[in-house]
Amino acid sequence: MKSSVLLMLLVAVLVLLAGAPAAVESATCDVSQLSSCASAILISTPPTSECCSALKSQSSCFCQLMQNPSFAGFISRGREVAATCGVSIPACN
């Protein structure tokens, strides 16, 4: 019960914080697509194949997400989840 509430809360926060996708990569960057990774990031469950696929499809957006202070608390665990999925984190400027 507690994990489902956290998951719903994270999805709501991500959708609200994301608003519209960023103008620079408006066709591809959509943080709400990472909602399948919420439990892996929030409560350290193993990432699902859906989460790993989402991370791979959004990997070009990682620098943009890491520069957003709203996501600062999720970056460290997000890196671990990405590594578990075999997704590389780019070097950001």
PDB file of N, CA and C in Angstrom:
ATOM      1  N   MET A   1       0.823  -1.191   0.000  1.00  0.00           N
ATOM      2  CA  MET A   1       0.000   0.000   0.000  1.00  0.00           C
ATOM      3  C   MET A   1       0.866   1.253   0.000  1.00  0.00           C
ATOM      4  N   LYS A   2       1.864   1.270   0.896  1.00  0.00           N
ATOM      5  CA  LYS A   2       2.736   2.423   1.005  1.00  0.00           C
ATOM      6  C   LYS A   2       3.503   2.654  -0.296  1.00  0.00           C
ATOM      7  N   SER A   3       3.990   1.574  -0.926  1.00  0.00           N
ATOM      8  CA  SER A   3       4.757   1.731  -2.168  1.00  0.00           C
ATOM      9  C   SER A   3       3.867   2.216  -3.308  1.00  0.00           C
ATOM     10  N   SER A   4       2.608   1.785  -3.352  1.00  0.00           N
ATOM     11  CA  SER A   4       1.726   2.250  -4.424  1.00  0.00           C
ATOM     12  C   SER A   4       1.399   3.729  -4.251  1.00  0.00           C
ATOM     13  N   VAL A   5       1.298   4.190  -3.026  1.00  0.00           N
ATOM     14  CA  VAL A   5       1.066   5.615  -2.780  1.00  0.00           C
ATOM     15  C   VAL A   5       2.293   6.412  -3.207  1.00  0.00           C
ATOM     16  N   LEU A   6       3.487   5.911  -2.865  1.00  0.00           N
ATOM     17  CA  LEU A   6       4.716   6.593  -3.288  1.00  0.00           C
ATOM     18  C   LEU A   6       4.840   6.633  -4.802  1.00  0.00           C
ATOM     19  N   LEU A   7       4.486   5.539  -5.445  1.00  0.00           N
ATOM     20  CA  LEU A   7       4.553   5.485  -6.894  1.00  0.00           C
ATOM     21  C   LEU A   7       3.606   6.507  -7.511  1.00  0.00           C
ATOM     22  N   MET A   8       2.390   6.545  -7.026  1.00  0.00           N
ATOM     23  CA  MET A   8       1.425   7.505  -7.562  1.00  0.00           C
ATOM     24  C   MET A   8       1.882   8.932  -7.301  1.00  0.00           C
ATOM     25  N   LEU A   9       2.462   9.179  -6.138  1.00  0.00           N
ATOM     26  CA  LEU A   9       2.962  10.502  -5.813  1.00  0.00           C
ATOM     27  C   LEU A   9       4.104  10.894  -6.745  1.00  0.00           C
ATOM     28  N   LEU A  10       5.040   9.981  -6.976  1.00  0.00           N
ATOM     29  CA  LEU A  10       6.155  10.293  -7.861  1.00  0.00           C
ATOM     30  C   LEU A  10       5.666  10.574  -9.275  1.00  0.00           C
ATOM     31  N   VAL A  11       4.767   9.767  -9.781  1.00  0.00           N
ATOM     32  CA  VAL A  11       4.241   9.983 -11.130  1.00  0.00           C
ATOM     33  C   VAL A  11       3.577  11.348 -11.211  1.00  0.00           C
ATOM     34  N   ALA A  12       2.783  11.698 -10.213  1.00  0.00           N
ATOM     35  CA  ALA A  12       2.117  13.001 -10.213  1.00  0.00           C
ATOM     36  C   ALA A  12       3.136  14.137 -10.186  1.00  0.00           C
ATOM     37  N   VAL A  13       4.161  13.985  -9.345  1.00  0.00           N
ATOM     38  CA  VAL A  13       5.193  15.020  -9.257  1.00  0.00           C
ATOM     39  C   VAL A  13       5.942  15.139 -10.573  1.00  0.00           C
ATOM     40  N   LEU A  14       6.320  14.008 -11.160  1.00  0.00           N
ATOM     41  CA  LEU A  14       7.053  14.048 -12.423  1.00  0.00           C
ATOM     42  C   LEU A  14       6.230  14.704 -13.523  1.00  0.00           C
ATOM     43  N   VAL A  15       4.965  14.394 -13.585  1.00  0.00           N
ATOM     44  CA  VAL A  15       4.107  14.986 -14.610  1.00  0.00           C
ATOM     45  C   VAL A  15       3.969  16.487 -14.379  1.00  0.00           C
ATOM     46  N   LEU A  16       3.775  16.887 -13.128  1.00  0.00           N
ATOM     47  CA  LEU A  16       3.648  18.308 -12.834  1.00  0.00           C
ATOM     48  C   LEU A  16       4.935  19.070 -13.096  1.00  0.00           C
ATOM     49  N   LEU A  17       6.059  18.481 -12.692  1.00  0.00           N
ATOM     50  CA  LEU A  17       7.340  19.152 -12.900  1.00  0.00           C
ATOM     51  C   LEU A  17       7.727  19.204 -14.366  1.00  0.00           C
ATOM     52  N   ALA A  18       7.370  18.179 -15.087  1.00  0.00           N
ATOM     53  CA  ALA A  18       7.731  18.126 -16.495  1.00  0.00           C
ATOM     54  C   ALA A  18       6.938  19.134 -17.301  1.00  0.00           C
ATOM     55  N   GLY A  19       5.668  19.303 -16.948  1.00  0.00           N
ATOM     56  CA  GLY A  19       4.829  20.201 -17.727  1.00  0.00           C
ATOM     57  C   GLY A  19       4.882  19.770 -19.166  1.00  0.00           C
ATOM     58  N   ALA A  20       5.230  20.683 -20.019  1.00  0.00           N
ATOM     59  CA  ALA A  20       5.443  20.348 -21.418  1.00  0.00           C
ATOM     60  C   ALA A  20       6.881  19.917 -21.578  1.00  0.00           C
ATOM     61  N   PRO A  21       7.160  19.014 -22.484  1.00  0.00           N
ATOM     62  CA  PRO A  21       8.550  18.644 -22.735  1.00  0.00           C
ATOM     63  C   PRO A  21       9.378  19.867 -23.123  1.00  0.00           C
ATOM     64  N   ALA A  22      10.655  19.821 -22.832  1.00  0.00           N
ATOM     65  CA  ALA A  22      11.533  20.958 -23.100  1.00  0.00           C
ATOM     66  C   ALA A  22      11.560  21.302 -24.578  1.00  0.00           C
ATOM     67  N   ALA A  23      11.686  22.577 -24.862  1.00  0.00           N
ATOM     68  CA  ALA A  23      11.657  23.049 -26.243  1.00  0.00           C
ATOM     69  C   ALA A  23      12.826  22.512 -27.062  1.00  0.00           C
ATOM     70  N   VAL A  24      13.985  22.336 -26.434  1.00  0.00           N
ATOM     71  CA  VAL A  24      15.162  21.888 -27.161  1.00  0.00           C
ATOM     72  C   VAL A  24      14.949  20.512 -27.784  1.00  0.00           C
ATOM     73  N   GLU A  25      14.316  19.623 -27.048  1.00  0.00           N
ATOM     74  CA  GLU A  25      14.097  18.279 -27.543  1.00  0.00           C
ATOM     75  C   GLU A  25      12.628  17.915 -27.394  1.00  0.00           C
ATOM     76  N   SER A  26      11.768  18.818 -27.867  1.00  0.00           N
ATOM     77  CA  SER A  26      10.342  18.660 -27.635  1.00  0.00           C
ATOM     78  C   SER A  26       9.779  17.370 -28.210  1.00  0.00           C
ATOM     79  N   ALA A  27      10.408  16.825 -29.233  1.00  0.00           N
ATOM     80  CA  ALA A  27       9.870  15.615 -29.848  1.00  0.00           C
ATOM     81  C   ALA A  27      10.210  14.361 -29.054  1.00  0.00           C
ATOM     82  N   THR A  28      11.262  14.397 -28.222  1.00  0.00           N
ATOM     83  CA  THR A  28      11.696  13.168 -27.577  1.00  0.00           C
ATOM     84  C   THR A  28      11.722  13.197 -26.051  1.00  0.00           C
ATOM     85  N   CYS A  29      11.985  14.320 -25.419  1.00  0.00           N
ATOM     86  CA  CYS A  29      12.135  14.359 -23.964  1.00  0.00           C
ATOM     87  C   CYS A  29      10.780  14.471 -23.280  1.00  0.00           C
ATOM     88  N   ASP A  30      10.472  13.465 -22.477  1.00  0.00           N
ATOM     89  CA  ASP A  30       9.217  13.441 -21.734  1.00  0.00           C
ATOM     90  C   ASP A  30       9.441  12.646 -20.463  1.00  0.00           C
ATOM     91  N   VAL A  31       9.682  13.348 -19.366  1.00  0.00           N
ATOM     92  CA  VAL A  31      10.023  12.694 -18.101  1.00  0.00           C
ATOM     93  C   VAL A  31       8.919  11.762 -17.622  1.00  0.00           C
ATOM     94  N   SER A  32       7.695  11.992 -18.016  1.00  0.00           N
ATOM     95  CA  SER A  32       6.614  11.105 -17.578  1.00  0.00           C
ATOM     96  C   SER A  32       6.787   9.687 -18.137  1.00  0.00           C
ATOM     97  N   GLN A  33       7.585   9.535 -19.206  1.00  0.00           N
ATOM     98  CA  GLN A  33       7.852   8.202 -19.744  1.00  0.00           C
ATOM     99  C   GLN A  33       8.710   7.373 -18.786  1.00  0.00           C
ATOM    100  N   LEU A  34       9.312   8.030 -17.807  1.00  0.00           N
ATOM    101  CA  LEU A  34      10.141   7.322 -16.829  1.00  0.00           C
ATOM    102  C   LEU A  34       9.342   6.886 -15.609  1.00  0.00           C
ATOM    103  N   SER A  35       8.038   7.034 -15.646  1.00  0.00           N
ATOM    104  CA  SER A  35       7.213   6.658 -14.494  1.00  0.00           C
ATOM    105  C   SER A  35       7.332   5.176 -14.154  1.00  0.00           C
ATOM    106  N   SER A  36       7.659   4.353 -15.147  1.00  0.00           N
ATOM    107  CA  SER A  36       7.830   2.919 -14.879  1.00  0.00           C
ATOM    108  C   SER A  36       9.056   2.642 -14.007  1.00  0.00           C
ATOM    109  N   CYS A  37       9.888   3.643 -13.813  1.00  0.00           N
ATOM    110  CA  CYS A  37      11.087   3.501 -12.979  1.00  0.00           C
ATOM    111  C   CYS A  37      10.875   4.021 -11.556  1.00  0.00           C
ATOM    112  N   ALA A  38       9.686   4.487 -11.256  1.00  0.00           N
ATOM    113  CA  ALA A  38       9.435   5.117  -9.957  1.00  0.00           C
ATOM    114  C   ALA A  38       9.770   4.202  -8.785  1.00  0.00           C
ATOM    115  N   SER A  39       9.306   2.968  -8.814  1.00  0.00           N
ATOM    116  CA  SER A  39       9.572   2.098  -7.667  1.00  0.00           C
ATOM    117  C   SER A  39      11.053   1.741  -7.566  1.00  0.00           C
ATOM    118  N   ALA A  40      11.724   1.611  -8.695  1.00  0.00           N
ATOM    119  CA  ALA A  40      13.158   1.313  -8.662  1.00  0.00           C
ATOM    120  C   ALA A  40      13.936   2.478  -8.059  1.00  0.00           C
ATOM    121  N   ILE A  41      13.506   3.693  -8.347  1.00  0.00           N
ATOM    122  CA  ILE A  41      14.203   4.872  -7.840  1.00  0.00           C
ATOM    123  C   ILE A  41      13.797   5.186  -6.408  1.00  0.00           C
ATOM    124  N   LEU A  42      12.506   5.090  -6.114  1.00  0.00           N
ATOM    125  CA  LEU A  42      12.022   5.488  -4.788  1.00  0.00           C
ATOM    126  C   LEU A  42      12.225   4.449  -3.702  1.00  0.00           C
ATOM    127  N   ILE A  43      11.980   3.194  -4.013  1.00  0.00           N
ATOM    128  CA  ILE A  43      12.047   2.182  -2.954  1.00  0.00           C
ATOM    129  C   ILE A  43      13.025   1.052  -3.278  1.00  0.00           C
ATOM    130  N   SER A  44      13.898   1.306  -4.236  1.00  0.00           N
ATOM    131  CA  SER A  44      15.008   0.405  -4.554  1.00  0.00           C
ATOM    132  C   SER A  44      14.602  -1.001  -4.959  1.00  0.00           C
ATOM    133  N   THR A  45      13.472  -1.131  -5.651  1.00  0.00           N
ATOM    134  CA  THR A  45      13.137  -2.427  -6.231  1.00  0.00           C
ATOM    135  C   THR A  45      13.950  -2.590  -7.507  1.00  0.00           C
ATOM    136  N   PRO A  46      14.195  -3.788  -7.952  1.00  0.00           N
ATOM    137  CA  PRO A  46      14.925  -3.970  -9.206  1.00  0.00           C
ATOM    138  C   PRO A  46      14.137  -3.333 -10.362  1.00  0.00           C
ATOM    139  N   PRO A  47      14.834  -2.678 -11.292  1.00  0.00           N
ATOM    140  CA  PRO A  47      14.119  -2.067 -12.418  1.00  0.00           C
ATOM    141  C   PRO A  47      13.489  -3.133 -13.316  1.00  0.00           C
ATOM    142  N   THR A  48      12.323  -2.830 -13.816  1.00  0.00           N
ATOM    143  CA  THR A  48      11.637  -3.731 -14.742  1.00  0.00           C
ATOM    144  C   THR A  48      12.193  -3.545 -16.144  1.00  0.00           C
ATOM    145  N   SER A  49      11.869  -4.470 -17.035  1.00  0.00           N
ATOM    146  CA  SER A  49      12.299  -4.318 -18.431  1.00  0.00           C
ATOM    147  C   SER A  49      11.659  -3.075 -19.045  1.00  0.00           C
ATOM    148  N   GLU A  50      10.441  -2.743 -18.610  1.00  0.00           N
ATOM    149  CA  GLU A  50       9.780  -1.526 -19.097  1.00  0.00           C
ATOM    150  C   GLU A  50      10.560  -0.285 -18.659  1.00  0.00           C
ATOM    151  N   CYS A  51      11.023  -0.285 -17.416  1.00  0.00           N
ATOM    152  CA  CYS A  51      11.833   0.825 -16.906  1.00  0.00           C
ATOM    153  C   CYS A  51      13.118   0.955 -17.720  1.00  0.00           C
ATOM    154  N   CYS A  52      13.799  -0.159 -17.935  1.00  0.00           N
ATOM    155  CA  CYS A  52      15.059  -0.122 -18.688  1.00  0.00           C
ATOM    156  C   CYS A  52      14.836   0.386 -20.113  1.00  0.00           C
ATOM    157  N   SER A  53      13.767  -0.031 -20.729  1.00  0.00           N
ATOM    158  CA  SER A  53      13.448   0.449 -22.085  1.00  0.00           C
ATOM    159  C   SER A  53      13.189   1.942 -22.075  1.00  0.00           C
ATOM    160  N   ALA A  54      12.473   2.409 -21.055  1.00  0.00           N
ATOM    161  CA  ALA A  54      12.187   3.841 -20.946  1.00  0.00           C
ATOM    162  C   ALA A  54      13.476   4.632 -20.741  1.00  0.00           C
ATOM    163  N   LEU A  55      14.372   4.121 -19.887  1.00  0.00           N
ATOM    164  CA  LEU A  55      15.655   4.801 -19.669  1.00  0.00           C
ATOM    165  C   LEU A  55      16.451   4.890 -20.969  1.00  0.00           C
ATOM    166  N   LYS A  56      16.460   3.801 -21.729  1.00  0.00           N
ATOM    167  CA  LYS A  56      17.186   3.806 -23.000  1.00  0.00           C
ATOM    168  C   LYS A  56      16.581   4.813 -23.966  1.00  0.00           C
ATOM    169  N   SER A  57      15.257   4.873 -24.030  1.00  0.00           N
ATOM    170  CA  SER A  57      14.618   5.791 -24.975  1.00  0.00           C
ATOM    171  C   SER A  57      14.767   7.251 -24.554  1.00  0.00           C
ATOM    172  N   GLN A  58      14.958   7.499 -23.270  1.00  0.00           N
ATOM    173  CA  GLN A  58      15.097   8.874 -22.775  1.00  0.00           C
ATOM    174  C   GLN A  58      16.549   9.251 -22.459  1.00  0.00           C
ATOM    175  N   SER A  59      17.504   8.413 -22.817  1.00  0.00           N
ATOM    176  CA  SER A  59      18.897   8.660 -22.433  1.00  0.00           C
ATOM    177  C   SER A  59      19.447   9.967 -22.995  1.00  0.00           C
ATOM    178  N   SER A  60      18.954  10.418 -24.126  1.00  0.00           N
ATOM    179  CA  SER A  60      19.431  11.692 -24.678  1.00  0.00           C
ATOM    180  C   SER A  60      18.941  12.878 -23.851  1.00  0.00           C
ATOM    181  N   CYS A  61      18.041  12.640 -22.941  1.00  0.00           N
ATOM    182  CA  CYS A  61      17.473  13.704 -22.090  1.00  0.00           C
ATOM    183  C   CYS A  61      18.130  13.773 -20.723  1.00  0.00           C
ATOM    184  N   PHE A  62      19.021  12.850 -20.406  1.00  0.00           N
ATOM    185  CA  PHE A  62      19.584  12.770 -19.065  1.00  0.00           C
ATOM    186  C   PHE A  62      20.231  14.077 -18.617  1.00  0.00           C
ATOM    187  N   CYS A  63      21.005  14.717 -19.469  1.00  0.00           N
ATOM    188  CA  CYS A  63      21.673  15.964 -19.063  1.00  0.00           C
ATOM    189  C   CYS A  63      20.645  17.026 -18.706  1.00  0.00           C
ATOM    190  N   GLN A  64      19.620  17.119 -19.500  1.00  0.00           N
ATOM    191  CA  GLN A  64      18.546  18.075 -19.237  1.00  0.00           C
ATOM    192  C   GLN A  64      17.892  17.788 -17.884  1.00  0.00           C
ATOM    193  N   LEU A  65      17.624  16.522 -17.599  1.00  0.00           N
ATOM    194  CA  LEU A  65      17.001  16.148 -16.328  1.00  0.00           C
ATOM    195  C   LEU A  65      17.928  16.408 -15.147  1.00  0.00           C
ATOM    196  N   MET A  66      19.216  16.111 -15.318  1.00  0.00           N
ATOM    197  CA  MET A  66      20.175  16.289 -14.229  1.00  0.00           C
ATOM    198  C   MET A  66      20.396  17.759 -13.902  1.00  0.00           C
ATOM    199  N   GLN A  67      20.144  18.641 -14.853  1.00  0.00           N
ATOM    200  CA  GLN A  67      20.311  20.069 -14.613  1.00  0.00           C
ATOM    201  C   GLN A  67      19.081  20.692 -13.958  1.00  0.00           C
ATOM    202  N   ASN A  68      18.002  19.947 -13.875  1.00  0.00           N
ATOM    203  CA  ASN A  68      16.770  20.442 -13.269  1.00  0.00           C
ATOM    204  C   ASN A  68      16.842  20.218 -11.760  1.00  0.00           C
ATOM    205  N   PRO A  69      16.867  21.295 -10.961  1.00  0.00           N
ATOM    206  CA  PRO A  69      16.984  21.133  -9.508  1.00  0.00           C
ATOM    207  C   PRO A  69      15.825  20.349  -8.887  1.00  0.00           C
ATOM    208  N   SER A  70      14.711  20.273  -9.548  1.00  0.00           N
ATOM    209  CA  SER A  70      13.566  19.522  -9.027  1.00  0.00           C
ATOM    210  C   SER A  70      13.841  18.026  -8.950  1.00  0.00           C
ATOM    211  N   PHE A  71      14.788  17.548  -9.741  1.00  0.00           N
ATOM    212  CA  PHE A  71      15.093  16.125  -9.781  1.00  0.00           C
ATOM    213  C   PHE A  71      16.359  15.768  -9.014  1.00  0.00           C
ATOM    214  N   ALA A  72      16.980  16.739  -8.352  1.00  0.00           N
ATOM    215  CA  ALA A  72      18.266  16.529  -7.680  1.00  0.00           C
ATOM    216  C   ALA A  72      18.235  15.356  -6.697  1.00  0.00           C
ATOM    217  N   GLY A  73      17.154  15.195  -5.980  1.00  0.00           N
ATOM    218  CA  GLY A  73      17.061  14.129  -4.998  1.00  0.00           C
ATOM    219  C   GLY A  73      16.952  12.738  -5.591  1.00  0.00           C
ATOM    220  N   PHE A  74      16.710  12.645  -6.894  1.00  0.00           N
ATOM    221  CA  PHE A  74      16.522  11.353  -7.546  1.00  0.00           C
ATOM    222  C   PHE A  74      17.710  10.938  -8.412  1.00  0.00           C
ATOM    223  N   ILE A  75      18.673  11.831  -8.605  1.00  0.00           N
ATOM    224  CA  ILE A  75      19.767  11.596  -9.556  1.00  0.00           C
ATOM    225  C   ILE A  75      20.656  10.432  -9.138  1.00  0.00           C
ATOM    226  N   SER A  76      21.065  10.385  -7.878  1.00  0.00           N
ATOM    227  CA  SER A  76      21.976   9.335  -7.429  1.00  0.00           C
ATOM    228  C   SER A  76      21.381   7.949  -7.647  1.00  0.00           C
ATOM    229  N   ARG A  77      20.171   7.741  -7.181  1.00  0.00           N
ATOM    230  CA  ARG A  77      19.524   6.431  -7.355  1.00  0.00           C
ATOM    231  C   ARG A  77      19.202   6.189  -8.828  1.00  0.00           C
ATOM    232  N   GLY A  78      18.871   7.251  -9.550  1.00  0.00           N
ATOM    233  CA  GLY A  78      18.616   7.117 -10.983  1.00  0.00           C
ATOM    234  C   GLY A  78      19.835   6.607 -11.731  1.00  0.00           C
ATOM    235  N   ARG A  79      21.013   7.065 -11.320  1.00  0.00           N
ATOM    236  CA  ARG A  79      22.259   6.575 -11.929  1.00  0.00           C
ATOM    237  C   ARG A  79      22.439   5.077 -11.663  1.00  0.00           C
ATOM    238  N   GLU A  80      22.129   4.654 -10.453  1.00  0.00           N
ATOM    239  CA  GLU A  80      22.244   3.236 -10.111  1.00  0.00           C
ATOM    240  C   GLU A  80      21.284   2.388 -10.942  1.00  0.00           C
ATOM    241  N   VAL A  81      20.061   2.873 -11.090  1.00  0.00           N
ATOM    242  CA  VAL A  81      19.064   2.144 -11.875  1.00  0.00           C
ATOM    243  C   VAL A  81      19.518   2.065 -13.327  1.00  0.00           C
ATOM    244  N   ALA A  82      20.007   3.177 -13.867  1.00  0.00           N
ATOM    245  CA  ALA A  82      20.495   3.184 -15.251  1.00  0.00           C
ATOM    246  C   ALA A  82      21.645   2.191 -15.426  1.00  0.00           C
ATOM    247  N   ALA A  83      22.570   2.151 -14.469  1.00  0.00           N
ATOM    248  CA  ALA A  83      23.689   1.209 -14.545  1.00  0.00           C
ATOM    249  C   ALA A  83      23.187  -0.232 -14.521  1.00  0.00           C
ATOM    250  N   THR A  84      22.208  -0.514 -13.679  1.00  0.00           N
ATOM    251  CA  THR A  84      21.634  -1.856 -13.612  1.00  0.00           C
ATOM    252  C   THR A  84      21.032  -2.252 -14.963  1.00  0.00           C
ATOM    253  N   CYS A  85      20.463  -1.260 -15.641  1.00  0.00           N
ATOM    254  CA  CYS A  85      19.848  -1.507 -16.951  1.00  0.00           C
ATOM    255  C   CYS A  85      20.862  -1.498 -18.091  1.00  0.00           C
ATOM    256  N   GLY A  86      22.111  -1.167 -17.787  1.00  0.00           N
ATOM    257  CA  GLY A  86      23.127  -1.103 -18.837  1.00  0.00           C
ATOM    258  C   GLY A  86      23.023   0.148 -19.695  1.00  0.00           C
ATOM    259  N   VAL A  87      22.429   1.193 -19.141  1.00  0.00           N
ATOM    260  CA  VAL A  87      22.269   2.454 -19.869  1.00  0.00           C
ATOM    261  C   VAL A  87      23.370   3.414 -19.416  1.00  0.00           C
ATOM    262  N   SER A  88      24.103   3.929 -20.366  1.00  0.00           N
ATOM    263  CA  SER A  88      25.196   4.849 -20.062  1.00  0.00           C
ATOM    264  C   SER A  88      24.670   6.246 -19.742  1.00  0.00           C
ATOM    265  N   ILE A  89      25.313   6.890 -18.785  1.00  0.00           N
ATOM    266  CA  ILE A  89      24.999   8.277 -18.441  1.00  0.00           C
ATOM    267  C   ILE A  89      25.994   9.159 -19.199  1.00  0.00           C
ATOM    268  N   PRO A  90      25.517  10.084 -20.005  1.00  0.00           N
ATOM    269  CA  PRO A  90      26.439  10.928 -20.772  1.00  0.00           C
ATOM    270  C   PRO A  90      27.159  11.932 -19.871  1.00  0.00           C
ATOM    271  N   ALA A  91      28.297  12.403 -20.346  1.00  0.00           N
ATOM    272  CA  ALA A  91      28.986  13.480 -19.668  1.00  0.00           C
ATOM    273  C   ALA A  91      28.274  14.777 -20.063  1.00  0.00           C
ATOM    274  N   CYS A  92      27.836  15.527 -19.085  1.00  0.00           N
ATOM    275  CA  CYS A  92      27.072  16.750 -19.351  1.00  0.00           C
ATOM    276  C   CYS A  92      27.955  17.977 -19.188  1.00  0.00           C
ATOM    277  N   ASN A  93      27.648  18.996 -19.950  1.00  0.00           N
ATOM    278  CA  ASN A  93      28.393  20.259 -19.851  1.00  0.00           C
ATOM    279  C   ASN A  93      27.965  21.048 -18.653  1.00  0.00           C
TER     280      ASN A  93
END
